[in-house]
PDB file of all heavy atoms in Angstrom:
ATOM      1  N   LEU A   1      86.698 126.956  93.588  1.00  0.00           N
ATOM      2  CA  LEU A   1      87.715 126.531  92.626  1.00  0.00           C
ATOM      3  C   LEU A   1      88.842 127.549  92.492  1.00  0.00           C
ATOM      4  O   LEU A   1      90.004 127.183  92.385  1.00  0.00           O
ATOM      5  CB  LEU A   1      87.056 126.285  91.272  1.00  0.00           C
ATOM      6  CG  LEU A   1      87.829 125.463  90.259  1.00  0.00           C
ATOM      7  CD1 LEU A   1      88.250 124.123  90.831  1.00  0.00           C
ATOM      8  CD2 LEU A   1      86.965 125.256  89.022  1.00  0.00           C
ATOM      9  N   GLY A   2      88.524 128.819  92.553  1.00  0.00           N
ATOM     10  CA  GLY A   2      89.533 129.859  92.393  1.00  0.00           C
ATOM     11  C   GLY A   2      90.330 130.172  93.649  1.00  0.00           C
ATOM     12  O   GLY A   2      91.288 130.945  93.605  1.00  0.00           O
ATOM     13  N   TYR A   3      89.950 129.580  94.762  1.00  0.00           N
ATOM     14  CA  TYR A   3      90.606 129.870  96.033  1.00  0.00           C
ATOM     15  C   TYR A   3      91.774 128.905  96.242  1.00  0.00           C
ATOM     16  O   TYR A   3      91.608 127.689  96.198  1.00  0.00           O
ATOM     17  CB  TYR A   3      89.597 129.742  97.173  1.00  0.00           C
ATOM     18  CG  TYR A   3      90.165 129.925  98.562  1.00  0.00           C
ATOM     19  CD1 TYR A   3      90.993 130.996  98.866  1.00  0.00           C
ATOM     20  CD2 TYR A   3      89.862 129.030  99.567  1.00  0.00           C
ATOM     21  CE1 TYR A   3      91.507 131.170 100.145  1.00  0.00           C
ATOM     22  CE2 TYR A   3      90.364 129.197 100.848  1.00  0.00           C
ATOM     23  CZ  TYR A   3      91.190 130.264 101.125  1.00  0.00           C
ATOM     24  OH  TYR A   3      91.702 130.428 102.393  1.00  0.00           O
ATOM     25  N   ASP A   4      92.956 129.460  96.468  1.00  0.00           N
ATOM     26  CA  ASP A   4      94.149 128.660  96.712  1.00  0.00           C
ATOM     27  C   ASP A   4      94.225 128.356  98.207  1.00  0.00           C
ATOM     28  O   ASP A   4      94.996 128.965  98.941  1.00  0.00           O
ATOM     29  CB  ASP A   4      95.394 129.413  96.227  1.00  0.00           C
ATOM     30  CG  ASP A   4      96.639 128.558  96.276  1.00  0.00           C
ATOM     31  OD1 ASP A   4      96.525 127.321  96.288  1.00  0.00           O
ATOM     32  OD2 ASP A   4      97.750 129.143  96.309  1.00  0.00           O
ATOM     33  N   ALA A   5      93.399 127.421  98.636  1.00  0.00           N
ATOM     34  CA  ALA A   5      93.302 127.085 100.062  1.00  0.00           C
ATOM     35  C   ALA A   5      94.569 126.383 100.530  1.00  0.00           C
ATOM     36  O   ALA A   5      95.204 125.663  99.761  1.00  0.00           O
ATOM     37  CB  ALA A   5      92.094 126.189 100.301  1.00  0.00           C
ATOM     38  N   PRO A   6      94.936 126.563 101.795  1.00  0.00           N
ATOM     39  CA  PRO A   6      96.096 125.845 102.328  1.00  0.00           C
ATOM     40  C   PRO A   6      95.904 124.331 102.173  1.00  0.00           C
ATOM     41  O   PRO A   6      94.848 123.802 102.500  1.00  0.00           O
ATOM     42  CB  PRO A   6      96.109 126.237 103.809  1.00  0.00           C
ATOM     43  CG  PRO A   6      95.315 127.499 103.894  1.00  0.00           C
ATOM     44  CD  PRO A   6      94.303 127.422 102.793  1.00  0.00           C
ATOM     45  N   GLY A   7      96.907 123.665 101.622  1.00  0.00           N
ATOM     46  CA  GLY A   7      96.840 122.216 101.466  1.00  0.00           C
ATOM     47  C   GLY A   7      96.034 121.742 100.284  1.00  0.00           C
ATOM     48  O   GLY A   7      95.756 120.550 100.159  1.00  0.00           O
ATOM     49  N   SER A   8      95.636 122.650  99.385  1.00  0.00           N
ATOM     50  CA  SER A   8      94.845 122.227  98.233  1.00  0.00           C
ATOM     51  C   SER A   8      95.711 121.853  97.036  1.00  0.00           C
ATOM     52  O   SER A   8      95.201 121.440  96.012  1.00  0.00           O
ATOM     53  CB  SER A   8      93.844 123.319  97.830  1.00  0.00           C
ATOM     54  OG  SER A   8      94.522 124.461  97.362  1.00  0.00           O
ATOM     55  N   SER A   9      97.025 121.968  97.190  1.00  0.00           N
ATOM     56  CA  SER A   9      97.921 121.630  96.079  1.00  0.00           C
ATOM     57  C   SER A   9      97.978 120.118  95.883  1.00  0.00           C
ATOM     58  O   SER A   9      97.627 119.335  96.766  1.00  0.00           O
ATOM     59  CB  SER A   9      99.320 122.189  96.345  1.00  0.00           C
ATOM     60  OG  SER A   9      99.855 121.601  97.517  1.00  0.00           O
ATOM     61  N   VAL A  10      98.473 119.727  94.739  1.00  0.00           N
ATOM     62  CA  VAL A  10      98.452 118.327  94.327  1.00  0.00           C
ATOM     63  C   VAL A  10      99.252 117.409  95.255  1.00  0.00           C
ATOM     64  O   VAL A  10      98.937 116.233  95.368  1.00  0.00           O
ATOM     65  CB  VAL A  10      98.931 118.199  92.854  1.00  0.00           C
ATOM     66  CG1 VAL A  10     100.413 118.479  92.736  1.00  0.00           C
ATOM     67  CG2 VAL A  10      98.576 116.853  92.290  1.00  0.00           C
ATOM     68  N   GLU A  11     100.255 117.919  95.946  1.00  0.00           N
ATOM     69  CA  GLU A  11     101.052 117.048  96.816  1.00  0.00           C
ATOM     70  C   GLU A  11     100.254 116.513  97.996  1.00  0.00           C
ATOM     71  O   GLU A  11     100.588 115.484  98.554  1.00  0.00           O
ATOM     72  CB  GLU A  11     102.277 117.785  97.391  1.00  0.00           C
ATOM     73  CG  GLU A  11     103.209 118.357  96.362  1.00  0.00           C
ATOM     74  CD  GLU A  11     102.833 119.778  95.990  1.00  0.00           C
ATOM     75  OE1 GLU A  11     102.178 120.478  96.784  1.00  0.00           O
ATOM     76  OE2 GLU A  11     103.194 120.186  94.881  1.00  0.00           O
ATOM     77  N   ARG A  12      99.254 117.213  98.424  1.00  0.00           N
ATOM     78  CA  ARG A  12      98.539 116.833  99.640  1.00  0.00           C
ATOM     79  C   ARG A  12      97.055 116.541  99.416  1.00  0.00           C
ATOM     80  O   ARG A  12      96.450 115.810 100.181  1.00  0.00           O
ATOM     81  CB  ARG A  12      98.684 117.971 100.655  1.00  0.00           C
ATOM     82  CG  ARG A  12      98.215 117.585 102.015  1.00  0.00           C
ATOM     83  CD  ARG A  12      98.792 118.473 103.084  1.00  0.00           C
ATOM     84  NE  ARG A  12      98.201 118.108 104.354  1.00  0.00           N
ATOM     85  CZ  ARG A  12      97.824 118.964 105.265  1.00  0.00           C
ATOM     86  NH1 ARG A  12      98.006 120.248 105.081  1.00  0.00           N
ATOM     87  NH2 ARG A  12      97.295 118.552 106.369  1.00  0.00           N
ATOM     88  N   ALA A  13      96.479 117.113  98.378  1.00  0.00           N
ATOM     89  CA  ALA A  13      95.044 116.997  98.143  1.00  0.00           C
ATOM     90  C   ALA A  13      94.736 115.878  97.147  1.00  0.00           C
ATOM     91  O   ALA A  13      95.375 115.770  96.106  1.00  0.00           O
ATOM     92  CB  ALA A  13      94.488 118.322  97.628  1.00  0.00           C
ATOM     93  N   HIS A  14      93.748 115.063  97.498  1.00  0.00           N
ATOM     94  CA  HIS A  14      93.285 113.985  96.633  1.00  0.00           C
ATOM     95  C   HIS A  14      91.817 114.257  96.325  1.00  0.00           C
ATOM     96  O   HIS A  14      90.981 114.272  97.239  1.00  0.00           O
ATOM     97  CB  HIS A  14      93.456 112.630  97.324  1.00  0.00           C
ATOM     98  CG  HIS A  14      94.882 112.322  97.633  1.00  0.00           C
ATOM     99  ND1 HIS A  14      95.670 111.542  96.818  1.00  0.00           N
ATOM    100  CD2 HIS A  14      95.688 112.744  98.645  1.00  0.00           C
ATOM    101  CE1 HIS A  14      96.886 111.466  97.325  1.00  0.00           C
ATOM    102  NE2 HIS A  14      96.927 112.197  98.426  1.00  0.00           N
ATOM    103  N   LEU A  15      91.528 114.525  95.054  1.00  0.00           N
ATOM    104  CA  LEU A  15      90.165 114.866  94.662  1.00  0.00           C
ATOM    105  C   LEU A  15      89.207 113.722  94.986  1.00  0.00           C
ATOM    106  O   LEU A  15      89.505 112.552  94.702  1.00  0.00           O
ATOM    107  CB  LEU A  15      90.103 115.201  93.175  1.00  0.00           C
ATOM    108  CG  LEU A  15      90.902 116.431  92.732  1.00  0.00           C
ATOM    109  CD1 LEU A  15      90.842 116.580  91.223  1.00  0.00           C
ATOM    110  CD2 LEU A  15      90.384 117.681  93.426  1.00  0.00           C
ATOM    111  N   LEU A  16      88.081 114.062  95.583  1.00  0.00           N
ATOM    112  CA  LEU A  16      87.116 113.048  96.003  1.00  0.00           C
ATOM    113  C   LEU A  16      86.625 112.229  94.811  1.00  0.00           C
ATOM    114  O   LEU A  16      86.480 111.007  94.923  1.00  0.00           O
ATOM    115  CB  LEU A  16      85.944 113.682  96.758  1.00  0.00           C
ATOM    116  CG  LEU A  16      84.873 112.715  97.260  1.00  0.00           C
ATOM    117  CD1 LEU A  16      85.470 111.614  98.151  1.00  0.00           C
ATOM    118  CD2 LEU A  16      83.791 113.474  98.008  1.00  0.00           C
ATOM    119  N   ALA A  17      86.389 112.844  93.674  1.00  0.00           N
ATOM    120  CA  ALA A  17      85.933 112.100  92.493  1.00  0.00           C
ATOM    121  C   ALA A  17      86.976 111.062  92.085  1.00  0.00           C
ATOM    122  O   ALA A  17      86.628 109.928  91.715  1.00  0.00           O
ATOM    123  CB  ALA A  17      85.629 113.055  91.344  1.00  0.00           C
ATOM    124  N   ASP A  18      88.257 111.407  92.175  1.00  0.00           N
ATOM    125  CA  ASP A  18      89.323 110.454  91.852  1.00  0.00           C
ATOM    126  C   ASP A  18      89.383 109.335  92.883  1.00  0.00           C
ATOM    127  O   ASP A  18      89.601 108.172  92.538  1.00  0.00           O
ATOM    128  CB  ASP A  18      90.686 111.154  91.792  1.00  0.00           C
ATOM    129  CG  ASP A  18      90.817 112.091  90.612  1.00  0.00           C
ATOM    130  OD1 ASP A  18      89.992 112.011  89.681  1.00  0.00           O
ATOM    131  OD2 ASP A  18      91.759 112.910  90.624  1.00  0.00           O
ATOM    132  N   VAL A  19      89.203 109.672  94.151  1.00  0.00           N
ATOM    133  CA  VAL A  19      89.211 108.657  95.214  1.00  0.00           C
ATOM    134  C   VAL A  19      88.093 107.647  94.958  1.00  0.00           C
ATOM    135  O   VAL A  19      88.301 106.432  95.044  1.00  0.00           O
ATOM    136  CB  VAL A  19      89.063 109.312  96.609  1.00  0.00           C
ATOM    137  CG1 VAL A  19      88.828 108.272  97.692  1.00  0.00           C
ATOM    138  CG2 VAL A  19      90.306 110.156  96.926  1.00  0.00           C
ATOM    139  N   ILE A  20      86.910 108.141  94.615  1.00  0.00           N
ATOM    140  CA  ILE A  20      85.769 107.262  94.321  1.00  0.00           C
ATOM    141  C   ILE A  20      86.103 106.351  93.141  1.00  0.00           C
ATOM    142  O   ILE A  20      85.887 105.133  93.205  1.00  0.00           O
ATOM    143  CB  ILE A  20      84.496 108.091  94.071  1.00  0.00           C
ATOM    144  CG1 ILE A  20      84.029 108.725  95.389  1.00  0.00           C
ATOM    145  CG2 ILE A  20      83.392 107.234  93.434  1.00  0.00           C
ATOM    146  CD1 ILE A  20      82.932 109.770  95.233  1.00  0.00           C
ATOM    147  N   ASP A  21      86.634 106.922  92.069  1.00  0.00           N
ATOM    148  CA  ASP A  21      86.993 106.117  90.892  1.00  0.00           C
ATOM    149  C   ASP A  21      88.052 105.069  91.226  1.00  0.00           C
ATOM    150  O   ASP A  21      87.955 103.914  90.793  1.00  0.00           O
ATOM    151  CB  ASP A  21      87.509 107.012  89.757  1.00  0.00           C
ATOM    152  CG  ASP A  21      86.404 107.808  89.082  1.00  0.00           C
ATOM    153  OD1 ASP A  21      85.210 107.517  89.298  1.00  0.00           O
ATOM    154  OD2 ASP A  21      86.748 108.751  88.337  1.00  0.00           O
ATOM    155  N   ASN A  22      89.059 105.452  91.991  1.00  0.00           N
ATOM    156  CA  ASN A  22      90.131 104.517  92.349  1.00  0.00           C
ATOM    157  C   ASN A  22      89.594 103.353  93.182  1.00  0.00           C
ATOM    158  O   ASN A  22      89.975 102.199  92.962  1.00  0.00           O
ATOM    159  CB  ASN A  22      91.245 105.231  93.113  1.00  0.00           C
ATOM    160  CG  ASN A  22      92.031 106.181  92.227  1.00  0.00           C
ATOM    161  OD1 ASN A  22      92.088 106.014  91.008  1.00  0.00           O
ATOM    162  ND2 ASN A  22      92.622 107.186  92.837  1.00  0.00           N
ATOM    163  N   LEU A  23      88.718 103.648  94.138  1.00  0.00           N
ATOM    164  CA  LEU A  23      88.157 102.585  94.981  1.00  0.00           C
ATOM    165  C   LEU A  23      87.175 101.706  94.207  1.00  0.00           C
ATOM    166  O   LEU A  23      87.065 100.506  94.481  1.00  0.00           O
ATOM    167  CB  LEU A  23      87.481 103.184  96.211  1.00  0.00           C
ATOM    168  CG  LEU A  23      88.421 103.816  97.229  1.00  0.00           C
ATOM    169  CD1 LEU A  23      87.631 104.545  98.306  1.00  0.00           C
ATOM    170  CD2 LEU A  23      89.349 102.774  97.835  1.00  0.00           C
ATOM    171  N   ALA A  24      86.476 102.279  93.244  1.00  0.00           N
ATOM    172  CA  ALA A  24      85.557 101.487  92.422  1.00  0.00           C
ATOM    173  C   ALA A  24      86.343 100.495  91.561  1.00  0.00           C
ATOM    174  O   ALA A  24      85.888  99.371  91.324  1.00  0.00           O
ATOM    175  CB  ALA A  24      84.699 102.402  91.547  1.00  0.00           C
ATOM    176  N   ALA A  25      87.523 100.887  91.142  1.00  0.00           N
ATOM    177  CA  ALA A  25      88.364 100.015  90.319  1.00  0.00           C
ATOM    178  C   ALA A  25      89.130  98.988  91.160  1.00  0.00           C
ATOM    179  O   ALA A  25      89.378  97.869  90.718  1.00  0.00           O
ATOM    180  CB  ALA A  25      89.351 100.855  89.507  1.00  0.00           C
ATOM    181  N   ASP A  26      89.519  99.375  92.387  1.00  0.00           N
ATOM    182  CA  ASP A  26      90.326  98.511  93.250  1.00  0.00           C
ATOM    183  C   ASP A  26      90.012  98.853  94.705  1.00  0.00           C
ATOM    184  O   ASP A  26      90.416  99.909  95.195  1.00  0.00           O
ATOM    185  CB  ASP A  26      91.815  98.731  92.953  1.00  0.00           C
ATOM    186  CG  ASP A  26      92.735  97.894  93.819  1.00  0.00           C
ATOM    187  OD1 ASP A  26      92.264  97.193  94.743  1.00  0.00           O
ATOM    188  OD2 ASP A  26      93.957  97.947  93.577  1.00  0.00           O
ATOM    189  N   SER A  27      89.330  97.962  95.374  1.00  0.00           N
ATOM    190  CA  SER A  27      88.864  98.222  96.740  1.00  0.00           C
ATOM    191  C   SER A  27      89.983  98.562  97.718  1.00  0.00           C
ATOM    192  O   SER A  27      89.769  99.296  98.676  1.00  0.00           O
ATOM    193  CB  SER A  27      88.085  97.003  97.261  1.00  0.00           C
ATOM    194  OG  SER A  27      87.628  97.242  98.574  1.00  0.00           O
ATOM    195  N   THR A  28      91.174  98.045  97.489  1.00  0.00           N
ATOM    196  CA  THR A  28      92.282  98.274  98.427  1.00  0.00           C
ATOM    197  C   THR A  28      93.321  99.246  97.867  1.00  0.00           C
ATOM    198  O   THR A  28      94.472  99.256  98.305  1.00  0.00           O
ATOM    199  CB  THR A  28      92.961  96.940  98.800  1.00  0.00           C
ATOM    200  OG1 THR A  28      93.454  96.322  97.607  1.00  0.00           O
ATOM    201  CG2 THR A  28      91.988  96.015  99.515  1.00  0.00           C
ATOM    202  N   PHE A  29      92.911 100.062  96.930  1.00  0.00           N
ATOM    203  CA  PHE A  29      93.821 101.000  96.265  1.00  0.00           C
ATOM    204  C   PHE A  29      94.662 101.799  97.260  1.00  0.00           C
ATOM    205  O   PHE A  29      95.874 101.911  97.113  1.00  0.00           O
ATOM    206  CB  PHE A  29      93.014 101.955  95.374  1.00  0.00           C
ATOM    207  CG  PHE A  29      93.855 102.913  94.579  1.00  0.00           C
ATOM    208  CD1 PHE A  29      94.338 102.556  93.330  1.00  0.00           C
ATOM    209  CD2 PHE A  29      94.154 104.181  95.065  1.00  0.00           C
ATOM    210  CE1 PHE A  29      95.113 103.431  92.585  1.00  0.00           C
ATOM    211  CE2 PHE A  29      94.934 105.063  94.332  1.00  0.00           C
ATOM    212  CZ  PHE A  29      95.410 104.684  93.086  1.00  0.00           C
ATOM    213  N   TYR A  30      94.022 102.359  98.291  1.00  0.00           N
ATOM    214  CA  TYR A  30      94.734 103.255  99.210  1.00  0.00           C
ATOM    215  C   TYR A  30      95.505 102.520 100.301  1.00  0.00           C
ATOM    216  O   TYR A  30      96.306 103.138 100.994  1.00  0.00           O
ATOM    217  CB  TYR A  30      93.788 104.313  99.784  1.00  0.00           C
ATOM    218  CG  TYR A  30      93.400 105.278  98.691  1.00  0.00           C
ATOM    219  CD1 TYR A  30      92.175 105.176  98.038  1.00  0.00           C
ATOM    220  CD2 TYR A  30      94.291 106.246  98.255  1.00  0.00           C
ATOM    221  CE1 TYR A  30      91.848 106.032  97.002  1.00  0.00           C
ATOM    222  CE2 TYR A  30      93.970 107.100  97.216  1.00  0.00           C
ATOM    223  CZ  TYR A  30      92.746 106.984  96.589  1.00  0.00           C
ATOM    224  OH  TYR A  30      92.435 107.827  95.554  1.00  0.00           O
ATOM    225  N   GLN A  31      95.305 101.216 100.416  1.00  0.00           N
ATOM    226  CA  GLN A  31      96.162 100.439 101.314  1.00  0.00           C
ATOM    227  C   GLN A  31      97.475 100.089 100.620  1.00  0.00           C
ATOM    228  O   GLN A  31      98.496  99.909 101.268  1.00  0.00           O
ATOM    229  CB  GLN A  31      95.469  99.140 101.765  1.00  0.00           C
ATOM    230  CG  GLN A  31      94.461  99.343 102.866  1.00  0.00           C
ATOM    231  CD  GLN A  31      93.127  99.836 102.350  1.00  0.00           C
ATOM    232  OE1 GLN A  31      92.583  99.288 101.404  1.00  0.00           O
ATOM    233  NE2 GLN A  31      92.593 100.877 102.951  1.00  0.00           N
ATOM    234  N   LYS A  32      97.457  99.986  99.275  1.00  0.00           N
ATOM    235  CA  LYS A  32      98.617  99.524  98.512  1.00  0.00           C
ATOM    236  C   LYS A  32      99.455 100.648  97.909  1.00  0.00           C
ATOM    237  O   LYS A  32     100.633 100.471  97.680  1.00  0.00           O
ATOM    238  CB  LYS A  32      98.158  98.610  97.363  1.00  0.00           C
ATOM    239  CG  LYS A  32      97.441  97.363  97.833  1.00  0.00           C
ATOM    240  CD  LYS A  32      97.088  96.444  96.689  1.00  0.00           C
ATOM    241  CE  LYS A  32      95.998  97.009  95.826  1.00  0.00           C
ATOM    242  NZ  LYS A  32      95.438  96.062  94.866  1.00  0.00           N
ATOM    243  N   ARG A  33      98.828 101.757  97.641  1.00  0.00           N
ATOM    244  CA  ARG A  33      99.483 102.817  96.884  1.00  0.00           C
ATOM    245  C   ARG A  33     100.470 103.606  97.737  1.00  0.00           C
ATOM    246  O   ARG A  33     100.204 103.930  98.888  1.00  0.00           O
ATOM    247  CB  ARG A  33      98.420 103.779  96.354  1.00  0.00           C
ATOM    248  CG  ARG A  33      99.051 104.977  95.705  1.00  0.00           C
ATOM    249  CD  ARG A  33      98.285 105.529  94.593  1.00  0.00           C
ATOM    250  NE  ARG A  33      99.140 106.536  93.971  1.00  0.00           N
ATOM    251  CZ  ARG A  33      98.743 107.732  93.647  1.00  0.00           C
ATOM    252  NH1 ARG A  33      97.506 108.076  93.853  1.00  0.00           N
ATOM    253  NH2 ARG A  33      99.573 108.583  93.098  1.00  0.00           N
ATOM    254  N   ALA A  34     101.610 103.933  97.151  1.00  0.00           N
ATOM    255  CA  ALA A  34     102.540 104.855  97.808  1.00  0.00           C
ATOM    256  C   ALA A  34     101.954 106.260  97.679  1.00  0.00           C
ATOM    257  O   ALA A  34     101.584 106.683  96.585  1.00  0.00           O
ATOM    258  CB  ALA A  34     103.907 104.793  97.138  1.00  0.00           C
ATOM    259  N   LEU A  35     101.823 106.941  98.790  1.00  0.00           N
ATOM    260  CA  LEU A  35     101.263 108.294  98.794  1.00  0.00           C
ATOM    261  C   LEU A  35     102.332 109.257  99.291  1.00  0.00           C
ATOM    262  O   LEU A  35     102.782 109.166 100.435  1.00  0.00           O
ATOM    263  CB  LEU A  35     100.033 108.366  99.719  1.00  0.00           C
ATOM    264  CG  LEU A  35      98.834 107.515  99.316  1.00  0.00           C
ATOM    265  CD1 LEU A  35      97.776 107.529 100.408  1.00  0.00           C
ATOM    266  CD2 LEU A  35      98.242 108.014  98.006  1.00  0.00           C
ATOM    267  N   THR A  36     102.734 110.167  98.435  1.00  0.00           N
ATOM    268  CA  THR A  36     103.708 111.170  98.848  1.00  0.00           C
ATOM    269  C   THR A  36     102.982 112.347  99.473  1.00  0.00           C
ATOM    270  O   THR A  36     101.821 112.618  99.152  1.00  0.00           O
ATOM    271  CB  THR A  36     104.548 111.665  97.658  1.00  0.00           C
ATOM    272  OG1 THR A  36     103.668 112.202  96.665  1.00  0.00           O
ATOM    273  CG2 THR A  36     105.354 110.523  97.042  1.00  0.00           C
ATOM    274  N   PHE A  37     103.651 113.025 100.390  1.00  0.00           N
ATOM    275  CA  PHE A  37     103.051 114.185 101.038  1.00  0.00           C
ATOM    276  C   PHE A  37     104.164 115.065 101.583  1.00  0.00           C
ATOM    277  O   PHE A  37     105.221 114.586 101.960  1.00  0.00           O
ATOM    278  CB  PHE A  37     102.092 113.765 102.160  1.00  0.00           C
ATOM    279  CG  PHE A  37     102.685 112.826 103.169  1.00  0.00           C
ATOM    280  CD1 PHE A  37     103.342 113.315 104.292  1.00  0.00           C
ATOM    281  CD2 PHE A  37     102.615 111.457 102.983  1.00  0.00           C
ATOM    282  CE1 PHE A  37     103.899 112.452 105.221  1.00  0.00           C
ATOM    283  CE2 PHE A  37     103.163 110.594 103.908  1.00  0.00           C
ATOM    284  CZ  PHE A  37     103.818 111.093 105.029  1.00  0.00           C
ATOM    285  N   PRO A  38     103.915 116.373 101.591  1.00  0.00           N
ATOM    286  CA  PRO A  38     104.931 117.294 102.119  1.00  0.00           C
ATOM    287  C   PRO A  38     104.876 117.362 103.641  1.00  0.00           C
ATOM    288  O   PRO A  38     103.812 117.173 104.239  1.00  0.00           O
ATOM    289  CB  PRO A  38     104.536 118.640 101.500  1.00  0.00           C
ATOM    290  CG  PRO A  38     103.047 118.537 101.356  1.00  0.00           C
ATOM    291  CD  PRO A  38     102.763 117.081 101.054  1.00  0.00           C
ATOM    292  N   LEU A  39     106.009 117.597 104.249  1.00  0.00           N
ATOM    293  CA  LEU A  39     106.090 117.816 105.688  1.00  0.00           C
ATOM    294  C   LEU A  39     106.974 119.031 105.945  1.00  0.00           C
ATOM    295  O   LEU A  39     108.017 119.180 105.311  1.00  0.00           O
ATOM    296  CB  LEU A  39     106.715 116.603 106.393  1.00  0.00           C
ATOM    297  CG  LEU A  39     105.866 115.363 106.525  1.00  0.00           C
ATOM    298  CD1 LEU A  39     106.698 114.221 107.101  1.00  0.00           C
ATOM    299  CD2 LEU A  39     104.674 115.630 107.420  1.00  0.00           C
TER     300      LEU A  39
END
């Protein structure tokens, strides 16, 4: 938790617990959602 790993910031990292909750609520959540990411 205390380690600032590369790519662990909010722009790129999606917490697994949140992913599970989102899919439990809506099976196609990640097909429909706009996902921003840094390049």
